[in-house]
Amino acid sequence: MSGASWLRAQGVTTIINLRSPEEMQRQVNFDEAALAKELGMNYVWIPMRGNAEFPYDPAGLAKFTKAINQADGSVLLAFVAYGRMVLQPIA
């Protein structure tokens, strides 16, 4: 069983990805969104870095809040901290 399949079996129904396009290109060698869809999971990509290109802004926060509120199971948050990819269950 793949890691993503295991997460789905544990009740994760939504993945919220906060990584930038550059982080995705550097750290992910497959199509996460396609895999999530294949497993029946909702995939929401909200690139946030706190810089001018990907700011922390009201629109991003609204999209983040909506994704959590619409989740019908557990939520997994994907982000980068200190140059490392982090996967954190949040709901």
PDB file of N, CA and C in Angstrom:
ATOM      1  N   MET A   1       0.851  -1.180   0.000  1.00  0.00           N
ATOM      2  CA  MET A   1       0.000   0.000   0.000  1.00  0.00           C
ATOM      3  C   MET A   1       0.895   1.242   0.000  1.00  0.00           C
ATOM      4  N   SER A   2       0.621   2.168  -0.907  1.00  0.00           N
ATOM      5  CA  SER A   2       1.410   3.400  -0.961  1.00  0.00           C
ATOM      6  C   SER A   2       1.083   4.290   0.225  1.00  0.00           C
ATOM      7  N   GLY A   3       1.934   5.271   0.476  1.00  0.00           N
ATOM      8  CA  GLY A   3       1.690   6.217   1.564  1.00  0.00           C
ATOM      9  C   GLY A   3       0.374   6.950   1.402  1.00  0.00           C
ATOM     10  N   ALA A   4       0.070   7.353   0.178  1.00  0.00           N
ATOM     11  CA  ALA A   4      -1.184   8.068  -0.069  1.00  0.00           C
ATOM     12  C   ALA A   4      -2.386   7.154   0.157  1.00  0.00           C
ATOM     13  N   SER A   5      -2.282   5.914  -0.270  1.00  0.00           N
ATOM     14  CA  SER A   5      -3.377   4.953  -0.035  1.00  0.00           C
ATOM     15  C   SER A   5      -3.577   4.723   1.455  1.00  0.00           C
ATOM     16  N   TRP A   6      -2.476   4.645   2.188  1.00  0.00           N
ATOM     17  CA  TRP A   6      -2.564   4.458   3.635  1.00  0.00           C
ATOM     18  C   TRP A   6      -3.262   5.660   4.285  1.00  0.00           C
ATOM     19  N   LEU A   7      -2.893   6.873   3.854  1.00  0.00           N
ATOM     20  CA  LEU A   7      -3.552   8.066   4.399  1.00  0.00           C
ATOM     21  C   LEU A   7      -5.053   8.032   4.133  1.00  0.00           C
ATOM     22  N   ARG A   8      -5.423   7.645   2.928  1.00  0.00           N
ATOM     23  CA  ARG A   8      -6.848   7.568   2.589  1.00  0.00           C
ATOM     24  C   ARG A   8      -7.539   6.541   3.475  1.00  0.00           C
ATOM     25  N   ALA A   9      -6.887   5.405   3.695  1.00  0.00           N
ATOM     26  CA  ALA A   9      -7.461   4.365   4.550  1.00  0.00           C
ATOM     27  C   ALA A   9      -7.618   4.835   5.988  1.00  0.00           C
ATOM     28  N   GLN A  10      -6.794   5.812   6.407  1.00  0.00           N
ATOM     29  CA  GLN A  10      -6.875   6.368   7.756  1.00  0.00           C
ATOM     30  C   GLN A  10      -7.927   7.478   7.857  1.00  0.00           C
ATOM     31  N   GLY A  11      -8.590   7.781   6.760  1.00  0.00           N
ATOM     32  CA  GLY A  11      -9.672   8.765   6.799  1.00  0.00           C
ATOM     33  C   GLY A  11      -9.332  10.134   6.251  1.00  0.00           C
ATOM     34  N   VAL A  12      -8.126  10.300   5.692  1.00  0.00           N
ATOM     35  CA  VAL A  12      -7.790  11.592   5.089  1.00  0.00           C
ATOM     36  C   VAL A  12      -8.590  11.731   3.800  1.00  0.00           C
ATOM     37  N   THR A  13      -9.378  12.785   3.721  1.00  0.00           N
ATOM     38  CA  THR A  13     -10.199  13.022   2.530  1.00  0.00           C
ATOM     39  C   THR A  13      -9.793  14.290   1.790  1.00  0.00           C
ATOM     40  N   THR A  14      -8.983  15.134   2.433  1.00  0.00           N
ATOM     41  CA  THR A  14      -8.576  16.403   1.828  1.00  0.00           C
ATOM     42  C   THR A  14      -7.095  16.643   2.080  1.00  0.00           C
ATOM     43  N   ILE A  15      -6.385  17.049   1.026  1.00  0.00           N
ATOM     44  CA  ILE A  15      -4.995  17.471   1.139  1.00  0.00           C
ATOM     45  C   ILE A  15      -4.960  18.951   0.778  1.00  0.00           C
ATOM     46  N   ILE A  16      -4.406  19.765   1.677  1.00  0.00           N
ATOM     47  CA  ILE A  16      -4.205  21.184   1.400  1.00  0.00           C
ATOM     48  C   ILE A  16      -2.709  21.388   1.234  1.00  0.00           C
ATOM     49  N   ASN A  17      -2.310  21.815   0.050  1.00  0.00           N
ATOM     50  CA  ASN A  17      -0.907  21.987  -0.288  1.00  0.00           C
ATOM     51  C   ASN A  17      -0.576  23.478  -0.290  1.00  0.00           C
ATOM     52  N   LEU A  18       0.311  23.910   0.598  1.00  0.00           N
ATOM     53  CA  LEU A  18       0.730  25.309   0.686  1.00  0.00           C
ATOM     54  C   LEU A  18       2.076  25.552   0.022  1.00  0.00           C
ATOM     55  N   ARG A  19       2.659  24.524  -0.600  1.00  0.00           N
ATOM     56  CA  ARG A  19       3.984  24.664  -1.204  1.00  0.00           C
ATOM     57  C   ARG A  19       3.932  25.468  -2.499  1.00  0.00           C
ATOM     58  N   SER A  20       5.006  26.200  -2.766  1.00  0.00           N
ATOM     59  CA  SER A  20       5.112  27.007  -3.984  1.00  0.00           C
ATOM     60  C   SER A  20       5.389  26.100  -5.186  1.00  0.00           C
ATOM     61  N   PRO A  21       5.197  26.619  -6.406  1.00  0.00           N
ATOM     62  CA  PRO A  21       5.535  25.820  -7.581  1.00  0.00           C
ATOM     63  C   PRO A  21       6.998  25.368  -7.573  1.00  0.00           C
ATOM     64  N   GLU A  22       7.908  26.217  -7.142  1.00  0.00           N
ATOM     65  CA  GLU A  22       9.324  25.843  -7.075  1.00  0.00           C
ATOM     66  C   GLU A  22       9.551  24.698  -6.096  1.00  0.00           C
ATOM     67  N   GLU A  23       8.910  24.765  -4.933  1.00  0.00           N
ATOM     68  CA  GLU A  23       9.045  23.693  -3.938  1.00  0.00           C
ATOM     69  C   GLU A  23       8.480  22.384  -4.479  1.00  0.00           C
ATOM     70  N   MET A  24       7.366  22.475  -5.176  1.00  0.00           N
ATOM     71  CA  MET A  24       6.768  21.273  -5.757  1.00  0.00           C
ATOM     72  C   MET A  24       7.707  20.647  -6.787  1.00  0.00           C
ATOM     73  N   GLN A  25       8.280  21.476  -7.634  1.00  0.00           N
ATOM     74  CA  GLN A  25       9.176  20.979  -8.678  1.00  0.00           C
ATOM     75  C   GLN A  25      10.420  20.326  -8.076  1.00  0.00           C
ATOM     76  N   ARG A  26      10.923  20.919  -6.995  1.00  0.00           N
ATOM     77  CA  ARG A  26      12.137  20.415  -6.344  1.00  0.00           C
ATOM     78  C   ARG A  26      11.892  19.150  -5.529  1.00  0.00           C
ATOM     79  N   GLN A  27      10.719  19.037  -4.912  1.00  0.00           N
ATOM     80  CA  GLN A  27      10.525  17.998  -3.903  1.00  0.00           C
ATOM     81  C   GLN A  27       9.533  16.897  -4.261  1.00  0.00           C
ATOM     82  N   VAL A  28       8.742  17.094  -5.304  1.00  0.00           N
ATOM     83  CA  VAL A  28       7.704  16.107  -5.619  1.00  0.00           C
ATOM     84  C   VAL A  28       7.899  15.628  -7.056  1.00  0.00           C
ATOM     85  N   ASN A  29       8.098  14.328  -7.214  1.00  0.00           N
ATOM     86  CA  ASN A  29       8.388  13.790  -8.549  1.00  0.00           C
ATOM     87  C   ASN A  29       7.203  13.041  -9.147  1.00  0.00           C
ATOM     88  N   PHE A  30       5.987  13.393  -8.746  1.00  0.00           N
ATOM     89  CA  PHE A  30       4.779  12.793  -9.312  1.00  0.00           C
ATOM     90  C   PHE A  30       3.650  13.817  -9.220  1.00  0.00           C
ATOM     91  N   ASP A  31       2.537  13.538  -9.843  1.00  0.00           N
ATOM     92  CA  ASP A  31       1.396  14.451  -9.857  1.00  0.00           C
ATOM     93  C   ASP A  31       0.525  14.193  -8.627  1.00  0.00           C
ATOM     94  N   GLU A  32       0.746  14.990  -7.579  1.00  0.00           N
ATOM     95  CA  GLU A  32      -0.015  14.803  -6.328  1.00  0.00           C
ATOM     96  C   GLU A  32      -1.506  14.956  -6.532  1.00  0.00           C
ATOM     97  N   ALA A  33      -1.889  15.971  -7.295  1.00  0.00           N
ATOM     98  CA  ALA A  33      -3.321  16.227  -7.503  1.00  0.00           C
ATOM     99  C   ALA A  33      -3.991  15.033  -8.193  1.00  0.00           C
ATOM    100  N   ALA A  34      -3.330  14.469  -9.199  1.00  0.00           N
ATOM    101  CA  ALA A  34      -3.894  13.321  -9.912  1.00  0.00           C
ATOM    102  C   ALA A  34      -4.006  12.105  -8.997  1.00  0.00           C
ATOM    103  N   LEU A  35      -2.994  11.889  -8.170  1.00  0.00           N
ATOM    104  CA  LEU A  35      -3.039  10.760  -7.242  1.00  0.00           C
ATOM    105  C   LEU A  35      -4.164  10.940  -6.225  1.00  0.00           C
ATOM    106  N   ALA A  36      -4.294  12.141  -5.695  1.00  0.00           N
ATOM    107  CA  ALA A  36      -5.375  12.410  -4.744  1.00  0.00           C
ATOM    108  C   ALA A  36      -6.732  12.138  -5.392  1.00  0.00           C
ATOM    109  N   LYS A  37      -6.914  12.616  -6.608  1.00  0.00           N
ATOM    110  CA  LYS A  37      -8.179  12.398  -7.321  1.00  0.00           C
ATOM    111  C   LYS A  37      -8.437  10.909  -7.531  1.00  0.00           C
ATOM    112  N   GLU A  38      -7.398  10.189  -7.927  1.00  0.00           N
ATOM    113  CA  GLU A  38      -7.515   8.741  -8.139  1.00  0.00           C
ATOM    114  C   GLU A  38      -7.970   8.024  -6.871  1.00  0.00           C
ATOM    115  N   LEU A  39      -7.541   8.529  -5.720  1.00  0.00           N
ATOM    116  CA  LEU A  39      -7.896   7.918  -4.438  1.00  0.00           C
ATOM    117  C   LEU A  39      -9.188   8.482  -3.842  1.00  0.00           C
ATOM    118  N   GLY A  40      -9.839   9.384  -4.573  1.00  0.00           N
ATOM    119  CA  GLY A  40     -11.094   9.959  -4.096  1.00  0.00           C
ATOM    120  C   GLY A  40     -10.907  11.038  -3.044  1.00  0.00           C
ATOM    121  N   MET A  41      -9.740  11.690  -3.075  1.00  0.00           N
ATOM    122  CA  MET A  41      -9.439  12.746  -2.104  1.00  0.00           C
ATOM    123  C   MET A  41      -9.542  14.113  -2.776  1.00  0.00           C
ATOM    124  N   ASN A  42      -9.939  15.099  -2.004  1.00  0.00           N
ATOM    125  CA  ASN A  42      -9.978  16.482  -2.474  1.00  0.00           C
ATOM    126  C   ASN A  42      -8.580  17.066  -2.327  1.00  0.00           C
ATOM    127  N   TYR A  43      -8.104  17.762  -3.362  1.00  0.00           N
ATOM    128  CA  TYR A  43      -6.761  18.340  -3.354  1.00  0.00           C
ATOM    129  C   TYR A  43      -6.881  19.837  -3.601  1.00  0.00           C
ATOM    130  N   VAL A  44      -6.396  20.617  -2.656  1.00  0.00           N
ATOM    131  CA  VAL A  44      -6.478  22.078  -2.755  1.00  0.00           C
ATOM    132  C   VAL A  44      -5.062  22.635  -2.708  1.00  0.00           C
ATOM    133  N   TRP A  45      -4.699  23.388  -3.731  1.00  0.00           N
ATOM    134  CA  TRP A  45      -3.362  23.974  -3.795  1.00  0.00           C
ATOM    135  C   TRP A  45      -3.462  25.473  -3.595  1.00  0.00           C
ATOM    136  N   ILE A  46      -2.854  25.958  -2.525  1.00  0.00           N
ATOM    137  CA  ILE A  46      -2.840  27.382  -2.189  1.00  0.00           C
ATOM    138  C   ILE A  46      -1.380  27.757  -1.925  1.00  0.00           C
ATOM    139  N   PRO A  47      -0.609  28.072  -2.972  1.00  0.00           N
ATOM    140  CA  PRO A  47       0.800  28.395  -2.744  1.00  0.00           C
ATOM    141  C   PRO A  47       0.953  29.608  -1.820  1.00  0.00           C
ATOM    142  N   MET A  48       1.666  29.427  -0.723  1.00  0.00           N
ATOM    143  CA  MET A  48       1.918  30.504   0.247  1.00  0.00           C
ATOM    144  C   MET A  48       3.364  30.437   0.707  1.00  0.00           C
ATOM    145  N   ARG A  49       4.041  31.575   0.648  1.00  0.00           N
ATOM    146  CA  ARG A  49       5.418  31.651   1.146  1.00  0.00           C
ATOM    147  C   ARG A  49       5.624  32.877   2.026  1.00  0.00           C
ATOM    148  N   GLY A  50       4.636  33.762   2.077  1.00  0.00           N
ATOM    149  CA  GLY A  50       4.802  34.982   2.864  1.00  0.00           C
ATOM    150  C   GLY A  50       5.665  36.007   2.166  1.00  0.00           C
ATOM    151  N   ASN A  51       5.778  35.896   0.849  1.00  0.00           N
ATOM    152  CA  ASN A  51       6.545  36.870   0.085  1.00  0.00           C
ATOM    153  C   ASN A  51       5.609  37.600  -0.895  1.00  0.00           C
ATOM    154  N   ALA A  52       6.161  38.461  -1.734  1.00  0.00           N
ATOM    155  CA  ALA A  52       5.336  39.239  -2.663  1.00  0.00           C
ATOM    156  C   ALA A  52       4.639  38.349  -3.691  1.00  0.00           C
ATOM    157  N   GLU A  53       5.305  37.296  -4.118  1.00  0.00           N
ATOM    158  CA  GLU A  53       4.724  36.417  -5.142  1.00  0.00           C
ATOM    159  C   GLU A  53       3.622  35.522  -4.583  1.00  0.00           C
ATOM    160  N   PHE A  54       3.831  34.984  -3.386  1.00  0.00           N
ATOM    161  CA  PHE A  54       2.861  34.087  -2.746  1.00  0.00           C
ATOM    162  C   PHE A  54       2.610  34.560  -1.310  1.00  0.00           C
ATOM    163  N   PRO A  55       1.872  35.667  -1.164  1.00  0.00           N
ATOM    164  CA  PRO A  55       1.691  36.256   0.173  1.00  0.00           C
ATOM    165  C   PRO A  55       0.664  35.498   1.017  1.00  0.00           C
ATOM    166  N   TYR A  56       0.750  35.754   2.302  1.00  0.00           N
ATOM    167  CA  TYR A  56      -0.319  35.339   3.205  1.00  0.00           C
ATOM    168  C   TYR A  56      -1.367  36.439   3.077  1.00  0.00           C
ATOM    169  N   ASP A  57      -2.485  36.136   2.456  1.00  0.00           N
ATOM    170  CA  ASP A  57      -3.471  37.178   2.202  1.00  0.00           C
ATOM    171  C   ASP A  57      -4.887  36.675   2.498  1.00  0.00           C
ATOM    172  N   PRO A  58      -5.858  37.597   2.557  1.00  0.00           N
ATOM    173  CA  PRO A  58      -7.232  37.197   2.865  1.00  0.00           C
ATOM    174  C   PRO A  58      -7.806  36.176   1.879  1.00  0.00           C
ATOM    175  N   ALA A  59      -7.468  36.284   0.606  1.00  0.00           N
ATOM    176  CA  ALA A  59      -7.998  35.334  -0.379  1.00  0.00           C
ATOM    177  C   ALA A  59      -7.482  33.921  -0.107  1.00  0.00           C
ATOM    178  N   GLY A  60      -6.191  33.796   0.188  1.00  0.00           N
ATOM    179  CA  GLY A  60      -5.627  32.489   0.506  1.00  0.00           C
ATOM    180  C   GLY A  60      -6.212  31.913   1.785  1.00  0.00           C
ATOM    181  N   LEU A  61      -6.373  32.768   2.778  1.00  0.00           N
ATOM    182  CA  LEU A  61      -6.961  32.320   4.041  1.00  0.00           C
ATOM    183  C   LEU A  61      -8.405  31.866   3.841  1.00  0.00           C
ATOM    184  N   ALA A  62      -9.153  32.580   3.011  1.00  0.00           N
ATOM    185  CA  ALA A  62     -10.541  32.197   2.734  1.00  0.00           C
ATOM    186  C   ALA A  62     -10.597  30.839   2.035  1.00  0.00           C
ATOM    187  N   LYS A  63      -9.697  30.611   1.085  1.00  0.00           N
ATOM    188  CA  LYS A  63      -9.652  29.326   0.380  1.00  0.00           C
ATOM    189  C   LYS A  63      -9.266  28.199   1.345  1.00  0.00           C
ATOM    190  N   PHE A  64      -8.310  28.473   2.224  1.00  0.00           N
ATOM    191  CA  PHE A  64      -7.875  27.505   3.232  1.00  0.00           C
ATOM    192  C   PHE A  64      -9.039  27.143   4.169  1.00  0.00           C
ATOM    193  N   THR A  65      -9.722  28.157   4.658  1.00  0.00           N
ATOM    194  CA  THR A  65     -10.854  27.950   5.567  1.00  0.00           C
ATOM    195  C   THR A  65     -11.965  27.165   4.891  1.00  0.00           C
ATOM    196  N   LYS A  66     -12.260  27.502   3.641  1.00  0.00           N
ATOM    197  CA  LYS A  66     -13.304  26.798   2.893  1.00  0.00           C
ATOM    198  C   LYS A  66     -12.953  25.322   2.732  1.00  0.00           C
ATOM    199  N   ALA A  67     -11.691  25.032   2.411  1.00  0.00           N
ATOM    200  CA  ALA A  67     -11.272  23.639   2.234  1.00  0.00           C
ATOM    201  C   ALA A  67     -11.447  22.842   3.517  1.00  0.00           C
ATOM    202  N   ILE A  68     -11.094  23.434   4.641  1.00  0.00           N
ATOM    203  CA  ILE A  68     -11.256  22.739   5.925  1.00  0.00           C
ATOM    204  C   ILE A  68     -12.737  22.543   6.247  1.00  0.00           C
ATOM    205  N   ASN A  69     -13.525  23.582   6.057  1.00  0.00           N
ATOM    206  CA  ASN A  69     -14.952  23.497   6.374  1.00  0.00           C
ATOM    207  C   ASN A  69     -15.698  22.506   5.497  1.00  0.00           C
ATOM    208  N   GLN A  70     -15.238  22.313   4.260  1.00  0.00           N
ATOM    209  CA  GLN A  70     -15.919  21.399   3.346  1.00  0.00           C
ATOM    210  C   GLN A  70     -15.398  19.963   3.438  1.00  0.00           C
ATOM    211  N   ALA A  71     -14.346  19.747   4.191  1.00  0.00           N
ATOM    212  CA  ALA A  71     -13.776  18.400   4.302  1.00  0.00           C
ATOM    213  C   ALA A  71     -14.765  17.471   5.010  1.00  0.00           C
ATOM    214  N   ASP A  72     -14.918  16.282   4.450  1.00  0.00           N
ATOM    215  CA  ASP A  72     -15.825  15.309   5.071  1.00  0.00           C
ATOM    216  C   ASP A  72     -15.047  14.196   5.767  1.00  0.00           C
ATOM    217  N   GLY A  73     -13.827  14.520   6.150  1.00  0.00           N
ATOM    218  CA  GLY A  73     -12.957  13.580   6.860  1.00  0.00           C
ATOM    219  C   GLY A  73     -11.741  14.335   7.352  1.00  0.00           C
ATOM    220  N   SER A  74     -10.664  13.634   7.541  1.00  0.00           N
ATOM    221  CA  SER A  74      -9.436  14.265   8.025  1.00  0.00           C
ATOM    222  C   SER A  74      -8.771  15.086   6.923  1.00  0.00           C
ATOM    223  N   VAL A  75      -7.999  16.096   7.360  1.00  0.00           N
ATOM    224  CA  VAL A  75      -7.291  16.987   6.447  1.00  0.00           C
ATOM    225  C   VAL A  75      -5.789  16.842   6.684  1.00  0.00           C
ATOM    226  N   LEU A  76      -5.033  16.762   5.590  1.00  0.00           N
ATOM    227  CA  LEU A  76      -3.582  16.711   5.657  1.00  0.00           C
ATOM    228  C   LEU A  76      -3.047  18.002   5.057  1.00  0.00           C
ATOM    229  N   LEU A  77      -2.194  18.693   5.808  1.00  0.00           N
ATOM    230  CA  LEU A  77      -1.593  19.943   5.360  1.00  0.00           C
ATOM    231  C   LEU A  77      -0.171  19.655   4.895  1.00  0.00           C
ATOM    232  N   ALA A  78       0.168  20.086   3.672  1.00  0.00           N
ATOM    233  CA  ALA A  78       1.511  19.901   3.113  1.00  0.00           C
ATOM    234  C   ALA A  78       2.159  21.266   2.965  1.00  0.00           C
ATOM    235  N   PHE A  79       3.351  21.438   3.562  1.00  0.00           N
ATOM    236  CA  PHE A  79       4.040  22.718   3.490  1.00  0.00           C
ATOM    237  C   PHE A  79       5.533  22.493   3.666  1.00  0.00           C
ATOM    238  N   VAL A  80       6.302  23.559   3.534  1.00  0.00           N
ATOM    239  CA  VAL A  80       7.753  23.480   3.714  1.00  0.00           C
ATOM    240  C   VAL A  80       8.147  24.336   4.908  1.00  0.00           C
ATOM    241  N   ALA A  81       8.958  23.778   5.791  1.00  0.00           N
ATOM    242  CA  ALA A  81       9.487  24.515   6.942  1.00  0.00           C
ATOM    243  C   ALA A  81      10.981  24.236   7.023  1.00  0.00           C
ATOM    244  N   TYR A  82      11.754  25.283   7.094  1.00  0.00           N
ATOM    245  CA  TYR A  82      13.214  25.159   7.182  1.00  0.00           C
ATOM    246  C   TYR A  82      13.788  24.299   6.053  1.00  0.00           C
ATOM    247  N   GLY A  83      13.209  24.472   4.849  1.00  0.00           N
ATOM    248  CA  GLY A  83      13.707  23.770   3.679  1.00  0.00           C
ATOM    249  C   GLY A  83      13.297  22.314   3.566  1.00  0.00           C
ATOM    250  N   ARG A  84      12.442  21.852   4.476  1.00  0.00           N
ATOM    251  CA  ARG A  84      12.006  20.449   4.446  1.00  0.00           C
ATOM    252  C   ARG A  84      10.505  20.362   4.265  1.00  0.00           C
ATOM    253  N   MET A  85      10.083  19.367   3.486  1.00  0.00           N
ATOM    254  CA  MET A  85       8.657  19.155   3.310  1.00  0.00           C
ATOM    255  C   MET A  85       8.061  18.569   4.577  1.00  0.00           C
ATOM    256  N   VAL A  86       6.895  19.089   4.951  1.00  0.00           N
ATOM    257  CA  VAL A  86       6.209  18.636   6.163  1.00  0.00           C
ATOM    258  C   VAL A  86       4.792  18.223   5.780  1.00  0.00           C
ATOM    259  N   LEU A  87       4.342  17.085   6.279  1.00  0.00           N
ATOM    260  CA  LEU A  87       2.967  16.639   6.138  1.00  0.00           C
ATOM    261  C   LEU A  87       2.372  16.578   7.533  1.00  0.00           C
ATOM    262  N   GLN A  88       1.356  17.387   7.771  1.00  0.00           N
ATOM    263  CA  GLN A  88       0.793  17.523   9.113  1.00  0.00           C
ATOM    264  C   GLN A  88      -0.711  17.315   9.088  1.00  0.00           C
ATOM    265  N   PRO A  89      -1.226  16.289   9.782  1.00  0.00           N
ATOM    266  CA  PRO A  89      -2.675  16.162   9.906  1.00  0.00           C
ATOM    267  C   PRO A  89      -3.193  17.311  10.766  1.00  0.00           C
ATOM    268  N   ILE A  90      -4.280  17.953  10.327  1.00  0.00           N
ATOM    269  CA  ILE A  90      -4.774  19.097  11.091  1.00  0.00           C
ATOM    270  C   ILE A  90      -6.218  18.983  11.506  1.00  0.00           C
ATOM    271  N   ALA A  91      -6.972  18.099  10.911  1.00  0.00           N
ATOM    272  CA  ALA A  91      -8.378  18.003  11.316  1.00  0.00           C
ATOM    273  C   ALA A  91      -8.862  16.588  11.109  1.00  0.00           C
TER     274      ALA A  91
END
